[in-house]
N, C-alpha and C. Protein backbone atom coordinates (compact mmCIF):
# COMPACT_ATOMS: atom_id res chain seq x y z
N UNK A 1 6.21 42.07 9.67
CA UNK A 1 5.42 40.98 9.13
C UNK A 1 5.77 39.69 9.87
N UNK A 2 4.75 38.90 10.14
CA UNK A 2 4.95 37.61 10.82
C UNK A 2 5.56 36.60 9.84
N UNK A 3 6.26 35.63 10.42
CA UNK A 3 7.00 34.65 9.62
C UNK A 3 6.67 33.25 10.12
N UNK A 4 6.24 32.39 9.20
CA UNK A 4 6.03 30.98 9.51
C UNK A 4 7.40 30.30 9.37
N UNK A 5 7.87 29.72 10.46
CA UNK A 5 9.19 29.08 10.47
C UNK A 5 9.01 27.61 10.17
N UNK A 6 9.65 27.15 9.12
CA UNK A 6 9.53 25.77 8.65
C UNK A 6 10.33 24.84 9.53
N UNK A 7 9.99 23.58 9.48
CA UNK A 7 10.64 22.52 10.23
C UNK A 7 12.15 22.52 10.02
N UNK A 8 12.59 22.76 8.81
CA UNK A 8 14.03 22.70 8.50
C UNK A 8 14.81 23.73 9.32
N UNK A 9 14.24 24.88 9.56
CA UNK A 9 14.92 25.94 10.32
C UNK A 9 14.91 25.61 11.80
N UNK A 10 13.72 25.22 12.30
CA UNK A 10 13.64 24.81 13.73
C UNK A 10 14.63 23.69 14.02
N UNK A 11 14.66 22.72 13.15
CA UNK A 11 15.51 21.57 13.36
C UNK A 11 16.98 21.98 13.45
N UNK A 12 17.39 22.85 12.58
CA UNK A 12 18.76 23.34 12.58
C UNK A 12 19.04 24.09 13.91
N UNK A 13 18.13 24.91 14.33
CA UNK A 13 18.35 25.73 15.53
C UNK A 13 18.26 24.90 16.82
N UNK A 14 17.40 23.91 16.85
CA UNK A 14 17.19 23.17 18.08
C UNK A 14 18.05 21.93 18.25
N UNK A 15 18.56 21.41 17.16
CA UNK A 15 19.28 20.12 17.25
C UNK A 15 20.78 20.20 16.99
N UNK A 16 21.24 21.36 16.58
CA UNK A 16 22.66 21.46 16.30
C UNK A 16 23.31 22.46 17.24
N UNK A 17 24.52 22.16 17.67
CA UNK A 17 25.28 23.12 18.50
C UNK A 17 25.79 24.22 17.64
N UNK A 18 25.79 25.47 18.17
CA UNK A 18 26.28 26.60 17.38
C UNK A 18 27.68 26.37 16.79
N UNK A 19 28.54 25.68 17.53
CA UNK A 19 29.89 25.43 17.05
C UNK A 19 29.91 24.52 15.80
N UNK A 20 28.84 23.74 15.61
CA UNK A 20 28.76 22.82 14.47
C UNK A 20 28.13 23.44 13.24
N UNK A 21 27.70 24.70 13.35
CA UNK A 21 27.01 25.34 12.24
C UNK A 21 27.99 26.09 11.33
N UNK A 22 27.66 26.13 10.07
CA UNK A 22 28.41 26.94 9.11
C UNK A 22 28.03 28.40 9.36
N UNK A 23 28.77 29.32 8.76
CA UNK A 23 28.49 30.75 8.94
C UNK A 23 27.07 31.09 8.48
N UNK A 24 26.59 30.62 7.30
CA UNK A 24 25.22 30.92 6.90
C UNK A 24 24.17 30.32 7.84
N UNK A 25 24.46 29.10 8.33
CA UNK A 25 23.53 28.47 9.27
C UNK A 25 23.48 29.25 10.58
N UNK A 26 24.62 29.74 11.01
CA UNK A 26 24.66 30.53 12.26
C UNK A 26 23.86 31.82 12.08
N UNK A 27 24.02 32.48 10.92
CA UNK A 27 23.23 33.69 10.63
C UNK A 27 21.72 33.39 10.66
N UNK A 28 21.37 32.25 10.11
CA UNK A 28 19.97 31.84 10.08
C UNK A 28 19.44 31.62 11.50
N UNK A 29 20.16 30.92 12.32
CA UNK A 29 19.68 30.65 13.68
C UNK A 29 19.68 31.93 14.53
N UNK A 30 20.62 32.80 14.28
CA UNK A 30 20.63 34.11 14.98
C UNK A 30 19.42 34.94 14.56
N UNK A 31 19.10 34.87 13.26
CA UNK A 31 17.92 35.61 12.76
C UNK A 31 16.65 35.03 13.36
N UNK A 32 16.57 33.71 13.48
CA UNK A 32 15.42 33.09 14.12
C UNK A 32 15.28 33.62 15.56
N UNK A 33 16.38 33.71 16.28
CA UNK A 33 16.34 34.25 17.64
C UNK A 33 15.80 35.67 17.65
N UNK A 34 16.19 36.48 16.65
CA UNK A 34 15.67 37.84 16.54
C UNK A 34 14.17 37.86 16.29
N UNK A 35 13.73 36.98 15.40
CA UNK A 35 12.29 36.89 15.10
C UNK A 35 11.49 36.49 16.35
N UNK A 36 12.07 35.57 17.13
CA UNK A 36 11.42 35.13 18.37
C UNK A 36 11.33 36.31 19.34
N UNK A 37 12.45 37.02 19.49
CA UNK A 37 12.47 38.17 20.39
C UNK A 37 11.44 39.22 19.99
N UNK A 38 11.26 39.41 18.68
CA UNK A 38 10.32 40.41 18.18
C UNK A 38 8.88 39.87 18.10
N UNK A 39 8.65 38.66 18.57
CA UNK A 39 7.31 38.04 18.56
C UNK A 39 6.73 38.00 17.14
N UNK A 40 7.55 37.57 16.20
CA UNK A 40 7.12 37.52 14.78
C UNK A 40 7.00 36.10 14.28
N UNK A 41 7.20 35.10 15.13
CA UNK A 41 7.19 33.70 14.72
C UNK A 41 5.78 33.12 14.76
N UNK A 42 5.43 32.42 13.70
CA UNK A 42 4.14 31.71 13.63
C UNK A 42 4.45 30.21 13.60
N UNK A 43 3.66 29.46 14.37
CA UNK A 43 3.80 27.99 14.41
C UNK A 43 2.47 27.39 13.99
N UNK A 44 2.52 26.25 13.31
CA UNK A 44 1.32 25.47 13.03
C UNK A 44 1.54 24.06 13.55
N UNK A 45 0.43 23.39 13.86
CA UNK A 45 0.49 22.03 14.41
C UNK A 45 1.30 21.03 13.60
N UNK A 46 1.15 21.02 12.29
CA UNK A 46 1.92 20.03 11.51
C UNK A 46 3.44 20.22 11.61
N UNK A 47 3.90 21.44 11.76
CA UNK A 47 5.34 21.67 11.95
C UNK A 47 5.76 21.18 13.33
N UNK A 48 4.94 21.48 14.35
CA UNK A 48 5.21 20.99 15.70
C UNK A 48 5.30 19.46 15.66
N UNK A 49 4.36 18.83 14.97
CA UNK A 49 4.35 17.36 14.89
C UNK A 49 5.61 16.83 14.20
N UNK A 50 6.01 17.46 13.10
CA UNK A 50 7.23 17.02 12.40
C UNK A 50 8.45 17.12 13.33
N UNK A 51 8.54 18.20 14.05
CA UNK A 51 9.69 18.38 14.95
C UNK A 51 9.71 17.32 16.02
N UNK A 52 8.58 17.12 16.66
CA UNK A 52 8.50 16.14 17.75
C UNK A 52 8.67 14.72 17.25
N UNK A 53 8.21 14.45 16.04
CA UNK A 53 8.32 13.09 15.48
C UNK A 53 9.75 12.68 15.23
N UNK A 54 10.65 13.64 15.09
CA UNK A 54 12.05 13.32 14.83
C UNK A 54 12.89 13.07 16.07
N UNK A 55 12.26 13.14 17.24
CA UNK A 55 13.02 12.98 18.50
C UNK A 55 12.95 11.51 18.95
N UNK A 56 14.07 10.96 19.30
CA UNK A 56 14.13 9.53 19.68
C UNK A 56 13.98 9.28 21.16
N UNK A 57 14.69 10.04 21.99
CA UNK A 57 14.66 9.75 23.43
C UNK A 57 13.47 10.44 24.07
N UNK A 58 12.90 9.77 25.07
CA UNK A 58 11.75 10.29 25.80
C UNK A 58 12.10 11.62 26.49
N UNK A 59 13.30 11.70 27.03
CA UNK A 59 13.72 12.90 27.74
C UNK A 59 13.82 14.10 26.77
N UNK A 60 14.46 13.88 25.65
CA UNK A 60 14.59 14.97 24.64
C UNK A 60 13.21 15.36 24.10
N UNK A 61 12.34 14.35 23.92
CA UNK A 61 10.98 14.63 23.44
C UNK A 61 10.24 15.55 24.40
N UNK A 62 10.29 15.22 25.69
CA UNK A 62 9.61 16.04 26.70
C UNK A 62 10.20 17.44 26.77
N UNK A 63 11.53 17.54 26.66
CA UNK A 63 12.20 18.84 26.71
C UNK A 63 11.76 19.70 25.52
N UNK A 64 11.77 19.12 24.34
CA UNK A 64 11.36 19.87 23.14
C UNK A 64 9.87 20.22 23.20
N UNK A 65 9.06 19.30 23.66
CA UNK A 65 7.62 19.56 23.79
C UNK A 65 7.38 20.75 24.70
N UNK A 66 8.08 20.81 25.83
CA UNK A 66 7.94 21.95 26.75
C UNK A 66 8.41 23.23 26.09
N UNK A 67 9.52 23.16 25.37
CA UNK A 67 10.06 24.34 24.69
C UNK A 67 9.07 24.87 23.65
N UNK A 68 8.53 23.98 22.85
CA UNK A 68 7.62 24.40 21.76
C UNK A 68 6.28 24.92 22.27
N UNK A 69 5.93 24.56 23.50
CA UNK A 69 4.67 25.06 24.08
C UNK A 69 4.68 26.58 24.23
N UNK A 70 5.84 27.19 24.15
CA UNK A 70 5.91 28.66 24.20
C UNK A 70 5.25 29.30 22.99
N UNK A 71 5.03 28.52 21.93
CA UNK A 71 4.47 29.04 20.68
C UNK A 71 3.09 28.47 20.46
N UNK A 72 2.10 29.37 20.43
CA UNK A 72 0.73 28.94 20.15
C UNK A 72 0.63 28.54 18.68
N UNK A 73 -0.18 27.55 18.42
CA UNK A 73 -0.42 27.15 17.03
C UNK A 73 -1.41 28.12 16.38
N UNK A 74 -1.11 28.53 15.18
CA UNK A 74 -2.05 29.27 14.36
C UNK A 74 -3.19 28.29 14.05
N UNK A 75 -4.44 28.67 14.38
CA UNK A 75 -5.55 27.74 14.11
C UNK A 75 -5.71 27.50 12.62
N UNK A 76 -5.87 26.22 12.27
CA UNK A 76 -6.08 25.85 10.86
C UNK A 76 -7.58 25.65 10.63
N UNK A 77 -8.02 26.03 9.43
CA UNK A 77 -9.43 25.98 9.11
C UNK A 77 -9.69 25.04 7.93
N UNK A 78 -10.94 24.77 7.70
CA UNK A 78 -11.33 23.98 6.51
C UNK A 78 -10.79 24.65 5.26
N UNK A 79 -10.86 25.99 5.22
CA UNK A 79 -10.39 26.74 4.05
C UNK A 79 -8.89 26.55 3.84
N UNK A 80 -8.13 26.42 4.92
CA UNK A 80 -6.68 26.17 4.78
C UNK A 80 -6.42 24.85 4.07
N UNK A 81 -7.16 23.81 4.45
CA UNK A 81 -6.96 22.51 3.85
C UNK A 81 -7.44 22.48 2.39
N UNK A 82 -8.55 23.21 2.12
CA UNK A 82 -9.01 23.32 0.73
C UNK A 82 -8.01 24.09 -0.12
N UNK A 83 -7.47 25.15 0.44
CA UNK A 83 -6.46 25.93 -0.28
C UNK A 83 -5.19 25.11 -0.50
N UNK A 84 -4.82 24.29 0.47
CA UNK A 84 -3.65 23.45 0.34
C UNK A 84 -3.85 22.45 -0.82
N UNK A 85 -5.05 21.90 -0.94
CA UNK A 85 -5.34 20.97 -2.05
C UNK A 85 -5.29 21.70 -3.37
N UNK A 86 -5.84 22.92 -3.40
CA UNK A 86 -5.81 23.70 -4.65
C UNK A 86 -4.36 24.08 -5.02
N UNK A 87 -3.59 24.44 -4.04
CA UNK A 87 -2.18 24.78 -4.26
C UNK A 87 -1.40 23.56 -4.78
N UNK A 88 -1.68 22.40 -4.22
CA UNK A 88 -1.02 21.18 -4.68
C UNK A 88 -1.37 20.89 -6.12
N UNK A 89 -2.65 21.09 -6.48
CA UNK A 89 -3.10 20.86 -7.84
C UNK A 89 -2.41 21.83 -8.80
N UNK A 90 -2.34 23.12 -8.42
CA UNK A 90 -1.69 24.10 -9.26
C UNK A 90 -0.23 23.76 -9.49
N UNK A 91 0.44 23.36 -8.44
CA UNK A 91 1.86 22.98 -8.57
C UNK A 91 2.03 21.71 -9.40
N UNK A 92 1.16 20.73 -9.19
CA UNK A 92 1.25 19.49 -9.97
C UNK A 92 1.11 19.76 -11.46
N UNK A 93 0.15 20.65 -11.83
CA UNK A 93 -0.06 21.01 -13.23
C UNK A 93 1.23 21.63 -13.80
N UNK A 94 1.96 22.35 -12.94
CA UNK A 94 3.21 22.98 -13.37
C UNK A 94 4.40 22.01 -13.29
N UNK A 95 4.12 20.74 -12.93
CA UNK A 95 5.18 19.74 -12.88
C UNK A 95 5.92 19.68 -11.55
N UNK A 96 5.34 20.27 -10.49
CA UNK A 96 5.99 20.25 -9.17
C UNK A 96 5.23 19.36 -8.22
N UNK A 97 5.95 18.44 -7.60
CA UNK A 97 5.36 17.60 -6.58
C UNK A 97 5.82 18.10 -5.22
N UNK A 98 5.06 17.75 -4.18
CA UNK A 98 5.42 18.12 -2.84
C UNK A 98 4.57 17.35 -1.85
N UNK A 99 4.88 17.53 -0.58
CA UNK A 99 4.13 16.83 0.46
C UNK A 99 2.88 17.59 0.83
N UNK A 100 1.94 16.91 1.43
CA UNK A 100 0.71 17.53 1.90
C UNK A 100 1.04 18.66 2.91
N UNK A 101 2.01 18.41 3.77
CA UNK A 101 2.38 19.43 4.75
C UNK A 101 2.99 20.65 4.08
N UNK A 102 3.83 20.43 3.07
CA UNK A 102 4.40 21.58 2.32
C UNK A 102 3.28 22.45 1.78
N UNK A 103 2.28 21.82 1.18
CA UNK A 103 1.20 22.61 0.57
C UNK A 103 0.30 23.24 1.62
N UNK A 104 0.19 22.62 2.77
CA UNK A 104 -0.56 23.25 3.86
C UNK A 104 0.20 24.48 4.36
N UNK A 105 1.52 24.37 4.45
CA UNK A 105 2.35 25.53 4.83
C UNK A 105 2.15 26.65 3.80
N UNK A 106 2.17 26.30 2.53
CA UNK A 106 1.95 27.30 1.48
C UNK A 106 0.59 27.97 1.66
N UNK A 107 -0.46 27.17 1.87
CA UNK A 107 -1.81 27.71 2.02
C UNK A 107 -1.92 28.64 3.21
N UNK A 108 -1.33 28.27 4.33
CA UNK A 108 -1.37 29.12 5.53
C UNK A 108 -0.66 30.44 5.28
N UNK A 109 0.51 30.38 4.67
CA UNK A 109 1.25 31.62 4.41
C UNK A 109 0.52 32.51 3.42
N UNK A 110 -0.07 31.92 2.40
CA UNK A 110 -0.82 32.70 1.42
C UNK A 110 -2.09 33.31 2.05
N UNK A 111 -2.80 32.51 2.79
CA UNK A 111 -4.07 32.95 3.37
C UNK A 111 -3.95 34.00 4.45
N UNK A 112 -2.78 34.08 5.06
CA UNK A 112 -2.57 35.03 6.17
C UNK A 112 -1.54 36.09 5.84
N UNK A 113 -1.11 36.12 4.61
CA UNK A 113 -0.08 37.09 4.16
C UNK A 113 1.16 37.02 5.03
N UNK A 114 1.66 35.80 5.23
CA UNK A 114 2.88 35.56 5.99
C UNK A 114 4.04 35.33 5.03
N UNK A 115 5.22 35.39 5.56
CA UNK A 115 6.42 34.93 4.85
C UNK A 115 6.82 33.60 5.45
N UNK A 116 7.59 32.82 4.68
CA UNK A 116 8.07 31.55 5.22
C UNK A 116 9.61 31.59 5.28
N UNK A 117 10.10 31.15 6.43
CA UNK A 117 11.56 31.02 6.63
C UNK A 117 11.88 29.54 6.56
N UNK A 118 12.67 29.17 5.56
CA UNK A 118 12.95 27.76 5.33
C UNK A 118 14.32 27.57 4.70
N UNK A 119 14.85 26.40 4.84
CA UNK A 119 16.07 26.03 4.08
C UNK A 119 15.70 25.02 2.99
N UNK A 120 14.43 24.65 2.90
CA UNK A 120 13.93 23.68 1.96
C UNK A 120 13.75 24.35 0.59
N UNK A 121 14.55 23.95 -0.37
CA UNK A 121 14.54 24.57 -1.71
C UNK A 121 13.20 24.33 -2.46
N UNK A 122 12.44 23.33 -2.03
CA UNK A 122 11.17 23.08 -2.69
C UNK A 122 10.28 24.34 -2.67
N UNK A 123 10.37 25.11 -1.58
CA UNK A 123 9.52 26.29 -1.46
C UNK A 123 9.94 27.36 -2.50
N UNK A 124 11.19 27.40 -2.87
CA UNK A 124 11.63 28.32 -3.94
C UNK A 124 10.96 27.89 -5.25
N UNK A 125 10.88 26.60 -5.49
CA UNK A 125 10.24 26.09 -6.70
C UNK A 125 8.75 26.43 -6.68
N UNK A 126 8.09 26.21 -5.54
CA UNK A 126 6.65 26.53 -5.44
C UNK A 126 6.42 28.01 -5.70
N UNK A 127 7.34 28.86 -5.20
CA UNK A 127 7.20 30.31 -5.34
C UNK A 127 7.25 30.75 -6.81
N UNK A 128 7.78 29.91 -7.66
CA UNK A 128 7.79 30.23 -9.08
C UNK A 128 6.42 29.98 -9.73
N UNK A 129 5.54 29.29 -9.00
CA UNK A 129 4.23 28.95 -9.57
C UNK A 129 3.09 29.62 -8.78
N UNK A 130 3.26 29.78 -7.48
CA UNK A 130 2.26 30.42 -6.66
C UNK A 130 2.88 31.65 -5.98
N UNK A 131 2.09 32.62 -5.53
CA UNK A 131 2.65 33.85 -5.00
C UNK A 131 3.15 33.74 -3.57
N UNK A 132 3.95 32.75 -3.31
CA UNK A 132 4.54 32.51 -1.99
C UNK A 132 5.60 33.53 -1.68
N UNK A 133 5.61 34.03 -0.44
CA UNK A 133 6.63 35.01 -0.04
C UNK A 133 7.65 34.31 0.86
N UNK A 134 8.88 34.24 0.40
CA UNK A 134 9.96 33.67 1.16
C UNK A 134 10.60 34.75 2.02
N UNK A 135 10.98 34.41 3.23
CA UNK A 135 11.63 35.36 4.13
C UNK A 135 13.14 35.17 4.03
N UNK A 136 13.82 36.21 3.64
CA UNK A 136 15.28 36.14 3.49
C UNK A 136 15.94 36.60 4.77
N UNK A 137 17.04 35.94 5.11
CA UNK A 137 17.84 36.34 6.26
C UNK A 137 18.67 37.53 5.83
N UNK A 138 18.59 38.63 6.57
CA UNK A 138 19.39 39.82 6.20
C UNK A 138 20.88 39.50 6.23
N UNK A 139 21.59 40.05 5.29
CA UNK A 139 23.07 39.93 5.28
C UNK A 139 23.62 40.76 6.42
N UNK A 140 24.62 40.21 7.08
CA UNK A 140 25.23 40.99 8.20
C UNK A 140 26.34 41.89 7.73
């Protein structure tokens, strides 16, 4: 099954040195490497934008931009944005707030039967209200 990798995971893998990672973080980044090797990673434009927006130096920005070009963006449709709005409404009724990008990520994963790999606990809360599939890192 394909996996949409959230900004939180990419950020951890791309911006931190392996020596600075905790054991669970290291397992997560190693699992991301396995997903990449197996061609199971899905990227969307808003996640690419979030990653690039966090880069300060022009040199690092260009380096990350070149690196991320290895991943094609999953095309987003009008239905994805409509589903994101509906998902946001469903979660709001249940007392859960979130960002527009979070709900777009939810809509894409639901509409394409993907799993999401994230460290953002908000997605666990959303999964209690919508049928979101979280991707767990296998225990070693």
